[in-house]
Amino acid sequence: MIQVETIEQYIEELDDNSFAKLRDWFIEFEQSRWEKKIEQDSNAGKLDFLINAGFGTL
């Protein structure tokens, strides 16, 4: 597996256009992972306390 330090070095070598593409991709990727985590937590009942506290009606 590639180490974080190696990835950092590659990122530092990117031109502005490639860096912008990577940044945009990473933002979308991070949001997708967050949404999956929220869905998993919701399905597992970990967020039920929000519904029980009245936040489910927002």
N, C-alpha and C. Protein backbone atom coordinates (compact mmCIF):
# COMPACT_ATOMS: atom_id res chain seq x y z
N MET A 1 0.84 -1.18 0.00
CA MET A 1 0.00 0.00 0.00
C MET A 1 0.89 1.25 0.00
N ILE A 2 0.44 2.27 -0.72
CA ILE A 2 1.19 3.51 -0.79
C ILE A 2 1.05 4.28 0.51
N GLN A 3 2.16 4.77 1.03
CA GLN A 3 2.13 5.52 2.26
C GLN A 3 1.67 6.95 2.00
N VAL A 4 1.12 7.57 3.02
CA VAL A 4 0.61 8.93 2.91
C VAL A 4 1.71 9.88 2.45
N GLU A 5 2.90 9.70 2.96
CA GLU A 5 4.00 10.58 2.58
C GLU A 5 4.27 10.54 1.08
N THR A 6 4.14 9.37 0.48
CA THR A 6 4.34 9.23 -0.96
C THR A 6 3.24 9.96 -1.72
N ILE A 7 2.02 9.82 -1.27
CA ILE A 7 0.89 10.52 -1.89
C ILE A 7 1.09 12.02 -1.79
N GLU A 8 1.53 12.49 -0.62
CA GLU A 8 1.78 13.92 -0.44
C GLU A 8 2.81 14.43 -1.44
N GLN A 9 3.85 13.67 -1.66
CA GLN A 9 4.88 14.07 -2.61
C GLN A 9 4.30 14.19 -4.02
N TYR A 10 3.48 13.24 -4.42
CA TYR A 10 2.86 13.30 -5.73
C TYR A 10 1.95 14.53 -5.85
N ILE A 11 1.21 14.81 -4.80
CA ILE A 11 0.31 15.97 -4.83
C ILE A 11 1.11 17.26 -4.96
N GLU A 12 2.22 17.37 -4.26
CA GLU A 12 3.06 18.56 -4.34
C GLU A 12 3.58 18.80 -5.76
N GLU A 13 3.69 17.76 -6.55
CA GLU A 13 4.22 17.87 -7.91
C GLU A 13 3.15 18.20 -8.95
N LEU A 14 1.88 18.22 -8.56
CA LEU A 14 0.81 18.49 -9.51
C LEU A 14 0.82 19.95 -9.97
N ASP A 15 0.46 20.16 -11.24
CA ASP A 15 0.27 21.52 -11.72
C ASP A 15 -1.08 22.03 -11.19
N ASP A 16 -1.33 23.31 -11.37
CA ASP A 16 -2.54 23.91 -10.80
C ASP A 16 -3.82 23.25 -11.28
N ASN A 17 -3.90 22.95 -12.57
CA ASN A 17 -5.10 22.34 -13.13
C ASN A 17 -5.33 20.94 -12.55
N SER A 18 -4.28 20.15 -12.49
CA SER A 18 -4.40 18.80 -11.94
C SER A 18 -4.74 18.84 -10.45
N PHE A 19 -4.16 19.81 -9.73
CA PHE A 19 -4.47 19.93 -8.32
C PHE A 19 -5.94 20.29 -8.12
N ALA A 20 -6.46 21.18 -8.95
CA ALA A 20 -7.88 21.57 -8.85
C ALA A 20 -8.78 20.37 -9.11
N LYS A 21 -8.44 19.56 -10.10
CA LYS A 21 -9.22 18.36 -10.39
C LYS A 21 -9.19 17.39 -9.21
N LEU A 22 -8.00 17.21 -8.62
CA LEU A 22 -7.87 16.32 -7.47
C LEU A 22 -8.68 16.85 -6.29
N ARG A 23 -8.59 18.14 -6.05
CA ARG A 23 -9.33 18.76 -4.94
C ARG A 23 -10.83 18.54 -5.11
N ASP A 24 -11.34 18.80 -6.32
CA ASP A 24 -12.77 18.62 -6.59
C ASP A 24 -13.18 17.17 -6.41
N TRP A 25 -12.36 16.26 -6.91
CA TRP A 25 -12.65 14.83 -6.76
C TRP A 25 -12.67 14.46 -5.29
N PHE A 26 -11.69 14.96 -4.54
CA PHE A 26 -11.58 14.58 -3.14
C PHE A 26 -12.78 15.09 -2.34
N ILE A 27 -13.22 16.30 -2.62
CA ILE A 27 -14.38 16.84 -1.92
C ILE A 27 -15.60 15.96 -2.17
N GLU A 28 -15.83 15.58 -3.43
CA GLU A 28 -16.96 14.70 -3.75
C GLU A 28 -16.80 13.34 -3.08
N PHE A 29 -15.59 12.81 -3.09
CA PHE A 29 -15.31 11.51 -2.48
C PHE A 29 -15.58 11.56 -0.98
N GLU A 30 -15.11 12.62 -0.32
CA GLU A 30 -15.32 12.76 1.12
C GLU A 30 -16.80 12.88 1.45
N GLN A 31 -17.53 13.65 0.67
CA GLN A 31 -18.97 13.79 0.89
C GLN A 31 -19.69 12.46 0.72
N SER A 32 -19.28 11.70 -0.27
CA SER A 32 -19.88 10.39 -0.50
C SER A 32 -19.63 9.45 0.69
N ARG A 33 -18.40 9.45 1.19
CA ARG A 33 -18.09 8.61 2.36
C ARG A 33 -18.90 9.05 3.57
N TRP A 34 -19.07 10.35 3.77
CA TRP A 34 -19.83 10.88 4.89
C TRP A 34 -21.29 10.43 4.78
N GLU A 35 -21.86 10.55 3.58
CA GLU A 35 -23.24 10.14 3.38
C GLU A 35 -23.43 8.65 3.65
N LYS A 36 -22.48 7.83 3.21
CA LYS A 36 -22.56 6.39 3.47
C LYS A 36 -22.49 6.10 4.97
N LYS A 37 -21.62 6.83 5.68
CA LYS A 37 -21.48 6.64 7.12
C LYS A 37 -22.76 7.03 7.84
N ILE A 38 -23.35 8.16 7.45
CA ILE A 38 -24.61 8.59 8.05
C ILE A 38 -25.70 7.55 7.80
N GLU A 39 -25.75 7.03 6.58
CA GLU A 39 -26.76 6.02 6.25
C GLU A 39 -26.55 4.76 7.09
N GLN A 40 -25.30 4.32 7.22
CA GLN A 40 -25.01 3.13 8.03
C GLN A 40 -25.41 3.36 9.48
N ASP A 41 -25.05 4.53 10.01
CA ASP A 41 -25.40 4.84 11.40
C ASP A 41 -26.91 4.90 11.58
N SER A 42 -27.60 5.47 10.61
CA SER A 42 -29.05 5.56 10.68
C SER A 42 -29.68 4.18 10.66
N ASN A 43 -29.23 3.33 9.74
CA ASN A 43 -29.75 1.97 9.64
C ASN A 43 -29.47 1.15 10.90
N ALA A 44 -28.37 1.47 11.58
CA ALA A 44 -28.01 0.75 12.79
C ALA A 44 -28.69 1.32 14.04
N GLY A 45 -29.48 2.38 13.85
CA GLY A 45 -30.20 2.97 14.97
C GLY A 45 -29.38 3.94 15.80
N LYS A 46 -28.17 4.26 15.34
CA LYS A 46 -27.30 5.14 16.12
C LYS A 46 -27.77 6.59 16.13
N LEU A 47 -28.69 6.93 15.25
CA LEU A 47 -29.18 8.31 15.19
C LEU A 47 -30.60 8.44 15.70
N ASP A 48 -31.12 7.36 16.24
CA ASP A 48 -32.50 7.38 16.75
C ASP A 48 -32.70 8.43 17.84
N PHE A 49 -31.64 8.72 18.58
CA PHE A 49 -31.77 9.72 19.63
C PHE A 49 -32.14 11.08 19.05
N LEU A 50 -31.75 11.36 17.82
CA LEU A 50 -32.12 12.63 17.18
C LEU A 50 -33.61 12.68 16.90
N ILE A 51 -34.14 11.57 16.41
CA ILE A 51 -35.58 11.49 16.13
C ILE A 51 -36.35 11.61 17.45
N ASN A 52 -35.87 10.91 18.47
CA ASN A 52 -36.54 10.93 19.78
C ASN A 52 -36.48 12.31 20.43
N ALA A 53 -35.46 13.10 20.05
CA ALA A 53 -35.32 14.44 20.63
C ALA A 53 -36.11 15.48 19.84
N GLY A 54 -36.78 15.04 18.77
CA GLY A 54 -37.59 15.97 17.99
C GLY A 54 -36.92 16.53 16.77
N PHE A 55 -35.69 16.09 16.47
CA PHE A 55 -34.99 16.60 15.30
C PHE A 55 -35.44 15.91 14.01
N GLY A 56 -36.25 14.91 14.11
CA GLY A 56 -36.71 14.19 12.93
C GLY A 56 -37.78 14.94 12.16
N THR A 57 -38.26 16.05 12.69
CA THR A 57 -39.31 16.80 12.03
C THR A 57 -38.80 18.05 11.35
N LEU A 58 -37.50 18.19 11.19
CA LEU A 58 -36.93 19.38 10.55
C LEU A 58 -37.23 19.44 9.10
